[in-house]
Amino acid sequence: MKEFIWLIPALPFAGAFVLVVTGARLPKRLVPIIGAGSVGGSALVTFLLGIEFISTHATIFKQTVWQWLNVA
């Protein structure tokens, strides 16, 4: 499940992108579903990752996404 940590910031960003690009053309009932659904999905992923973290009794969780600056 740790490989899905990238979804936490990506889901709200994708929801915002969809609303910005197609917001005026979407039905009024669909706009809050996309907005709240993307944030809710991110919260669900966070909750599931938290449960996994607690159940494995881990003390450190580290995931390198990219290296910004390489110092020797």
C-alpha atoms as a PDB file:
ATOM      1  CA  MET A   1       0.000   0.000   0.000  1.00  0.00           C
ATOM      2  CA  LYS A   2       2.965   2.314   0.490  1.00  0.00           C
ATOM      3  CA  GLU A   3       3.347   2.627  -3.260  1.00  0.00           C
ATOM      4  CA  PHE A   4       0.053   4.581  -3.359  1.00  0.00           C
ATOM      5  CA  ILE A   5       1.304   7.447  -1.179  1.00  0.00           C
ATOM      6  CA  TRP A   6       1.575   9.615  -4.291  1.00  0.00           C
ATOM      7  CA  LEU A   7      -2.232   9.602  -4.513  1.00  0.00           C
ATOM      8  CA  ILE A   8      -2.562  11.794  -1.417  1.00  0.00           C
ATOM      9  CA  PRO A   9      -1.612  15.050  -3.189  1.00  0.00           C
ATOM     10  CA  ALA A  10      -2.497  13.817  -6.700  1.00  0.00           C
ATOM     11  CA  LEU A  11      -6.222  13.207  -6.140  1.00  0.00           C
ATOM     12  CA  PRO A  12      -7.112  16.758  -5.018  1.00  0.00           C
ATOM     13  CA  PHE A  13      -4.882  18.177  -7.739  1.00  0.00           C
ATOM     14  CA  ALA A  14      -6.615  16.048 -10.373  1.00  0.00           C
ATOM     15  CA  GLY A  15     -10.041  17.044  -9.046  1.00  0.00           C
ATOM     16  CA  ALA A  16      -9.121  20.727  -9.136  1.00  0.00           C
ATOM     17  CA  PHE A  17      -7.730  20.335 -12.645  1.00  0.00           C
ATOM     18  CA  VAL A  18     -10.930  18.679 -13.881  1.00  0.00           C
ATOM     19  CA  LEU A  19     -13.053  21.406 -12.297  1.00  0.00           C
ATOM     20  CA  VAL A  20     -10.948  24.220 -13.742  1.00  0.00           C
ATOM     21  CA  VAL A  21     -10.870  22.751 -17.235  1.00  0.00           C
ATOM     22  CA  THR A  22     -14.473  21.528 -17.493  1.00  0.00           C
ATOM     23  CA  GLY A  23     -16.230  23.209 -14.572  1.00  0.00           C
ATOM     24  CA  ALA A  24     -18.623  25.371 -16.577  1.00  0.00           C
ATOM     25  CA  ARG A  25     -19.690  22.490 -18.826  1.00  0.00           C
ATOM     26  CA  LEU A  26     -20.324  19.982 -16.029  1.00  0.00           C
ATOM     27  CA  PRO A  27     -23.773  19.470 -14.517  1.00  0.00           C
ATOM     28  CA  LYS A  28     -24.231  21.353 -11.240  1.00  0.00           C
ATOM     29  CA  ARG A  29     -24.729  18.102  -9.321  1.00  0.00           C
ATOM     30  CA  LEU A  30     -21.401  16.687 -10.527  1.00  0.00           C
ATOM     31  CA  VAL A  31     -19.174  19.603  -9.457  1.00  0.00           C
ATOM     32  CA  PRO A  32     -19.419  19.009  -5.668  1.00  0.00           C
ATOM     33  CA  ILE A  33     -19.065  15.266  -6.182  1.00  0.00           C
ATOM     34  CA  ILE A  34     -15.765  15.757  -7.995  1.00  0.00           C
ATOM     35  CA  GLY A  35     -14.537  18.375  -5.518  1.00  0.00           C
ATOM     36  CA  ALA A  36     -15.439  16.534  -2.344  1.00  0.00           C
ATOM     37  CA  GLY A  37     -14.762  13.129  -3.864  1.00  0.00           C
ATOM     38  CA  SER A  38     -11.174  13.958  -4.724  1.00  0.00           C
ATOM     39  CA  VAL A  39     -10.473  15.239  -1.220  1.00  0.00           C
ATOM     40  CA  GLY A  40     -12.379  12.329   0.307  1.00  0.00           C
ATOM     41  CA  GLY A  41     -10.393   9.861  -1.774  1.00  0.00           C
ATOM     42  CA  SER A  42      -7.193  11.455  -0.574  1.00  0.00           C
ATOM     43  CA  ALA A  43      -8.404  11.208   3.025  1.00  0.00           C
ATOM     44  CA  LEU A  44      -9.299   7.544   2.505  1.00  0.00           C
ATOM     45  CA  VAL A  45      -5.829   6.747   1.132  1.00  0.00           C
ATOM     46  CA  THR A  46      -4.276   8.605   4.079  1.00  0.00           C
ATOM     47  CA  PHE A  47      -6.431   6.646   6.537  1.00  0.00           C
ATOM     48  CA  LEU A  48      -5.550   3.295   4.954  1.00  0.00           C
ATOM     49  CA  LEU A  49      -1.845   4.132   4.910  1.00  0.00           C
ATOM     50  CA  GLY A  50      -2.071   5.189   8.547  1.00  0.00           C
ATOM     51  CA  ILE A  51      -3.673   1.884   9.497  1.00  0.00           C
ATOM     52  CA  GLU A  52      -0.941  -0.001   7.650  1.00  0.00           C
ATOM     53  CA  PHE A  53       1.750   2.095   9.333  1.00  0.00           C
ATOM     54  CA  ILE A  54       0.331   1.458  12.813  1.00  0.00           C
ATOM     55  CA  SER A  55      -0.288  -2.250  12.224  1.00  0.00           C
ATOM     56  CA  THR A  56       3.299  -2.887  11.096  1.00  0.00           C
ATOM     57  CA  HIS A  57       4.690  -1.194  14.235  1.00  0.00           C
ATOM     58  CA  ALA A  58       7.025   0.849  12.072  1.00  0.00           C
ATOM     59  CA  THR A  59       8.954   3.676  13.644  1.00  0.00           C
ATOM     60  CA  ILE A  60      10.237   5.241  10.430  1.00  0.00           C
ATOM     61  CA  PHE A  61       8.630   5.552   7.038  1.00  0.00           C
ATOM     62  CA  LYS A  62      10.717   7.003   4.241  1.00  0.00           C
ATOM     63  CA  GLN A  63       9.953   7.309   0.556  1.00  0.00           C
ATOM     64  CA  THR A  64      12.183   9.299  -1.755  1.00  0.00           C
ATOM     65  CA  VAL A  65      10.139  10.721  -4.592  1.00  0.00           C
ATOM     66  CA  TRP A  66      12.900  12.756  -6.210  1.00  0.00           C
ATOM     67  CA  GLN A  67      16.239  14.218  -5.269  1.00  0.00           C
ATOM     68  CA  TRP A  68      16.144  17.990  -5.397  1.00  0.00           C
ATOM     69  CA  LEU A  69      19.804  18.746  -4.770  1.00  0.00           C
ATOM     70  CA  ASN A  70      22.772  16.363  -4.756  1.00  0.00           C
ATOM     71  CA  VAL A  71      25.474  17.407  -2.307  1.00  0.00           C
ATOM     72  CA  ALA A  72      28.619  15.329  -2.104  1.00  0.00           C
END
